[in-house]
Amino acid sequence: MKIEVYSDADTVALEAAKLIANAAREAVNNRGKFVMAVSGGKTPWVMLRDLAKQDVPWSGVHVVQVDERVAPEGDADRNLTHLRESLLEHAPLRPEQIHAMPVESRNLQSACAEYAQTLERLAGSPPVLDLVHLGLGPDGHTASLVPGDPVLDLKDADVGLTGIYQNRRRMTLTYPIINRSRRVLWLATGNEKAAMLARLQAGDVSIPAGRVNRDRGVILADRAAAGQIVNESKTDVA
């Protein structure tokens, strides 16, 4: 798994936006559409605003969610709130091209199945996403695949429901669909990520992030997050 290290979080966000734009152009040219899954976080919101300034074939782009907190529409805890603000206000993307996880449903299990059907409609059966953007938590979680949660062992569904984590239940993509994706883009910034990034790079499957397919992955990190990585796979490029 390739790791590229940049000076700061803003540069990480910009380089990630360039990578996504390239992937979008390639996918639309080859398959007529680009389906990417996006996680939450401060650096990713900057990444999406930077993406809005890139050369992207927006009419062929579909954005789905990696995970979402079970909270009302418009809640500041919702990834969707920031996703819409970052893209719809800055890029020529139609609202219907962002596909929200239905976490306001009264039946959340049925809502997981509903979202899985949305993914199939967009990306085939079984769905193969063009790009999945993932973050990395200080506890080793990624998406809402958190340590000790039964969702980690879900093998027969692409969308699952977690228990309560940081005061919220979550809907999340599961390992099967993440590991089928054509590309995985990791963003890791800040020194609080350093220990887990080193474990991810080493292939430590005892942390949730370590169970994601490494073959199609690239990590973009700032120097603070990459401080504990000291081997030949680290490429300090800026």
Protein backbone atom coordinates (compact mmCIF):
# COMPACT_ATOMS: atom_id res chain seq x y z
CA MET A 1 0.00 0.00 0.00
CA LYS A 2 1.52 3.27 -1.16
CA ILE A 3 1.86 6.17 1.27
CA GLU A 4 2.39 9.76 0.17
CA VAL A 5 3.35 12.29 2.81
CA TYR A 6 2.68 16.01 2.53
CA SER A 7 3.56 18.97 4.68
CA ASP A 8 0.12 19.73 6.10
CA ALA A 9 -3.56 18.79 6.05
CA ASP A 10 -4.53 21.39 3.43
CA THR A 11 -2.01 19.95 0.99
CA VAL A 12 -3.28 16.46 1.71
CA ALA A 13 -6.81 17.64 0.89
CA LEU A 14 -5.72 19.27 -2.37
CA GLU A 15 -3.73 16.25 -3.55
CA ALA A 16 -6.65 13.97 -2.69
CA ALA A 17 -8.95 16.18 -4.76
CA LYS A 18 -6.58 15.91 -7.73
CA LEU A 19 -6.48 12.11 -7.37
CA ILE A 20 -10.28 11.89 -7.25
CA ALA A 21 -10.63 14.16 -10.28
CA ASN A 22 -8.27 11.94 -12.27
CA ALA A 23 -10.17 8.82 -11.19
CA ALA A 24 -13.48 10.44 -12.15
CA ARG A 25 -12.30 11.35 -15.63
CA GLU A 26 -10.96 7.84 -16.17
CA ALA A 27 -14.15 6.14 -14.90
CA VAL A 28 -16.52 8.33 -16.92
CA ASN A 29 -14.41 7.82 -20.03
CA ASN A 30 -14.32 4.03 -19.56
CA ARG A 31 -17.70 3.24 -17.97
CA GLY A 32 -19.85 6.33 -18.34
CA LYS A 33 -20.10 7.14 -14.63
CA PHE A 34 -18.04 7.56 -11.47
CA VAL A 35 -19.44 6.33 -8.16
CA MET A 36 -17.47 7.36 -5.09
CA ALA A 37 -18.15 6.83 -1.41
CA VAL A 38 -17.15 9.62 0.97
CA SER A 39 -16.46 9.60 4.70
CA GLY A 40 -16.76 12.54 7.10
CA GLY A 41 -14.14 14.71 8.74
CA LYS A 42 -12.61 18.18 8.57
CA THR A 43 -9.91 17.40 6.02
CA PRO A 44 -12.39 15.58 3.73
CA TRP A 45 -14.67 18.61 3.65
CA VAL A 46 -11.72 20.71 2.49
CA MET A 47 -10.93 17.96 -0.03
CA LEU A 48 -14.44 18.18 -1.49
CA ARG A 49 -14.29 21.96 -1.78
CA ASP A 50 -10.96 21.56 -3.58
CA LEU A 51 -12.54 18.91 -5.79
CA ALA A 52 -15.17 21.44 -6.87
CA LYS A 53 -12.35 23.48 -8.46
CA GLN A 54 -10.94 20.54 -10.44
CA ASP A 55 -11.71 19.37 -13.96
CA VAL A 56 -14.41 16.81 -13.13
CA PRO A 57 -17.09 15.39 -15.48
CA TRP A 58 -19.77 16.24 -12.94
CA SER A 59 -22.72 14.99 -14.97
CA GLY A 60 -21.40 11.44 -14.60
CA VAL A 61 -20.55 11.62 -10.89
CA HIS A 62 -22.55 9.94 -8.12
CA VAL A 63 -21.63 10.41 -4.47
CA VAL A 64 -22.65 7.87 -1.84
CA GLN A 65 -21.92 7.80 1.86
CA VAL A 66 -19.40 5.54 3.59
CA ASP A 67 -21.21 6.02 6.89
CA GLU A 68 -23.68 8.24 8.69
CA ARG A 69 -24.82 8.95 12.22
CA VAL A 70 -28.43 8.25 13.09
CA ALA A 71 -29.57 11.83 13.58
CA PRO A 72 -32.20 14.18 12.11
CA GLU A 73 -31.73 15.84 8.73
CA GLY A 74 -29.65 19.00 9.00
CA ASP A 75 -28.09 17.95 12.32
CA ALA A 76 -24.49 19.11 12.68
CA ASP A 77 -23.53 15.51 13.52
CA ARG A 78 -24.66 14.32 10.09
CA ASN A 79 -21.96 13.77 7.48
CA LEU A 80 -24.62 14.57 4.88
CA THR A 81 -24.97 18.13 6.16
CA HIS A 82 -21.30 18.88 5.50
CA LEU A 83 -21.21 16.83 2.31
CA ARG A 84 -23.97 18.93 0.78
CA GLU A 85 -22.39 22.16 1.97
CA SER A 86 -19.00 21.19 0.54
CA LEU A 87 -20.22 20.03 -2.88
CA LEU A 88 -23.61 21.47 -3.75
CA GLU A 89 -22.58 25.02 -2.88
CA HIS A 90 -19.31 24.83 -4.83
CA ALA A 91 -19.67 22.29 -7.67
CA PRO A 92 -22.18 21.90 -10.53
CA LEU A 93 -23.55 18.74 -8.98
CA ARG A 94 -27.30 18.16 -8.84
CA PRO A 95 -28.76 17.29 -5.40
CA GLU A 96 -30.03 13.94 -6.71
CA GLN A 97 -26.42 12.93 -7.48
CA ILE A 98 -25.72 12.74 -3.74
CA HIS A 99 -27.30 9.59 -2.36
CA ALA A 100 -27.99 9.91 1.35
CA MET A 101 -28.08 7.01 3.76
CA PRO A 102 -31.70 6.78 5.01
CA VAL A 103 -30.88 7.08 8.70
CA GLU A 104 -34.15 8.89 9.50
CA SER A 105 -36.11 5.72 8.78
CA ARG A 106 -38.15 4.18 11.60
CA ASN A 107 -36.89 0.75 10.56
CA LEU A 108 -33.13 1.07 10.32
CA GLN A 109 -32.53 -2.54 9.34
CA SER A 110 -34.85 -2.14 6.36
CA ALA A 111 -33.12 1.15 5.61
CA CYS A 112 -29.78 -0.68 5.34
CA ALA A 113 -31.28 -3.03 2.76
CA GLU A 114 -32.79 -0.04 0.94
CA TYR A 115 -29.41 1.66 0.70
CA ALA A 116 -27.80 -1.56 -0.51
CA GLN A 117 -30.34 -1.56 -3.34
CA THR A 118 -29.40 2.02 -4.18
CA LEU A 119 -25.77 0.95 -4.42
CA GLU A 120 -26.71 -1.91 -6.73
CA ARG A 121 -28.65 0.44 -8.97
CA LEU A 122 -25.65 2.73 -9.21
CA ALA A 123 -22.76 0.27 -9.30
CA GLY A 124 -24.03 -3.15 -10.35
CA SER A 125 -24.79 -6.40 -8.56
CA PRO A 126 -22.80 -6.87 -6.50
CA PRO A 127 -21.93 -3.16 -6.48
CA VAL A 128 -18.35 -2.20 -7.30
CA LEU A 129 -17.59 1.37 -6.27
CA ASP A 130 -15.00 3.29 -8.26
CA LEU A 131 -13.44 4.91 -5.22
CA VAL A 132 -13.97 4.69 -1.47
CA HIS A 133 -12.54 7.47 0.67
CA LEU A 134 -11.73 6.38 4.22
CA GLY A 135 -10.46 8.07 7.34
CA LEU A 136 -8.64 6.60 10.31
CA GLY A 137 -9.64 7.02 13.93
CA PRO A 138 -7.23 7.13 16.89
CA ASP A 139 -8.81 3.82 18.00
CA GLY A 140 -8.15 2.20 14.62
CA HIS A 141 -11.69 2.47 13.27
CA THR A 142 -12.51 3.37 9.71
CA ALA A 143 -15.91 4.15 8.22
CA SER A 144 -18.09 3.23 11.23
CA LEU A 145 -16.34 -0.11 11.57
CA VAL A 146 -15.41 0.35 15.20
CA PRO A 147 -13.52 -1.95 17.57
CA GLY A 148 -15.67 -4.68 19.09
CA ASP A 149 -18.86 -3.96 17.14
CA PRO A 150 -20.66 -6.95 15.58
CA VAL A 151 -20.84 -5.07 12.26
CA LEU A 152 -17.17 -5.99 11.77
CA ASP A 153 -18.19 -9.59 11.13
CA LEU A 154 -21.01 -8.84 8.69
CA LYS A 155 -20.22 -10.80 5.54
CA ASP A 156 -23.57 -11.09 3.75
CA ALA A 157 -24.58 -7.42 3.51
CA ASP A 158 -22.95 -4.33 2.04
CA VAL A 159 -24.59 -1.94 4.51
CA GLY A 160 -24.86 -2.50 8.25
CA LEU A 161 -25.92 -0.88 11.49
CA THR A 162 -23.66 -0.35 14.47
CA GLY A 163 -24.33 -0.12 18.14
CA ILE A 164 -23.92 3.20 19.92
CA TYR A 165 -20.50 4.74 19.32
CA GLN A 166 -19.70 8.21 20.60
CA ASN A 167 -23.36 8.68 21.55
CA ARG A 168 -24.79 7.75 18.14
CA ARG A 169 -25.74 4.63 16.24
CA ARG A 170 -24.29 4.56 12.73
CA MET A 171 -25.11 3.17 9.32
CA THR A 172 -21.98 2.05 7.52
CA LEU A 173 -20.62 0.34 4.46
CA THR A 174 -19.17 -3.03 5.41
CA TYR A 175 -15.96 -4.81 4.47
CA PRO A 176 -17.44 -6.75 1.52
CA ILE A 177 -18.30 -3.65 -0.54
CA ILE A 178 -15.26 -1.67 0.59
CA ASN A 179 -12.98 -4.53 -0.40
CA ARG A 180 -14.63 -4.88 -3.82
CA SER A 181 -13.99 -1.25 -4.70
CA ARG A 182 -11.63 -0.32 -7.50
CA ARG A 183 -9.66 2.08 -5.34
CA VAL A 184 -9.38 3.00 -1.66
CA LEU A 185 -8.17 6.48 -0.76
CA TRP A 186 -7.11 6.96 2.85
CA LEU A 187 -6.64 10.41 4.39
CA ALA A 188 -4.77 10.69 7.69
CA THR A 189 -3.82 14.01 9.25
CA GLY A 190 -2.72 15.03 12.74
CA ASN A 191 -0.34 13.45 15.23
CA GLU A 192 -3.21 11.70 17.04
CA LYS A 193 -3.37 9.37 14.01
CA ALA A 194 0.34 8.50 14.02
CA ALA A 195 0.25 5.29 16.05
CA MET A 196 -2.71 3.82 14.17
CA LEU A 197 -1.35 4.86 10.78
CA ALA A 198 1.84 2.94 11.51
CA ARG A 199 -0.26 -0.10 12.42
CA LEU A 200 -2.39 0.27 9.28
CA GLN A 201 0.69 0.51 7.11
CA ALA A 202 2.10 -2.61 8.79
CA GLY A 203 -1.05 -4.58 7.99
CA ASP A 204 -2.23 -5.00 11.59
CA VAL A 205 -5.56 -6.83 11.22
CA SER A 206 -6.31 -6.45 14.93
CA ILE A 207 -7.55 -2.92 14.22
CA PRO A 208 -10.66 -2.47 12.05
CA ALA A 209 -8.80 -0.37 9.46
CA GLY A 210 -6.28 -3.16 9.01
CA ARG A 211 -8.91 -5.47 7.56
CA VAL A 212 -9.44 -3.31 4.47
CA ASN A 213 -7.94 -4.66 1.23
CA ARG A 214 -4.45 -3.20 0.84
CA ASP A 215 -3.91 -4.00 -2.84
CA ARG A 216 -5.84 -1.02 -4.23
CA GLY A 217 -5.14 1.43 -1.44
CA VAL A 218 -3.18 4.66 -1.24
CA ILE A 219 -2.68 6.72 1.91
CA LEU A 220 -2.26 10.48 1.77
CA ALA A 221 -0.94 11.73 5.11
CA ASP A 222 0.57 14.83 6.57
CA ARG A 223 3.94 14.67 8.31
CA ALA A 224 2.35 14.72 11.74
CA ALA A 225 0.35 11.56 11.04
CA ALA A 226 3.21 9.81 9.24
CA GLY A 227 5.79 10.43 11.94
CA GLN A 228 6.01 6.79 13.06
CA ILE A 229 6.34 5.31 9.57
CA VAL A 230 9.97 4.68 8.74
CA ASN A 231 10.45 2.31 5.80
CA GLU A 232 10.73 2.19 2.05
CA SER A 233 6.98 2.37 1.38
CA LYS A 234 6.86 5.95 2.66
CA THR A 235 7.22 8.55 -0.08
CA ASP A 236 7.76 12.08 1.21
CA VAL A 237 6.67 14.17 -1.75
CA ALA A 238 6.04 17.64 -0.39
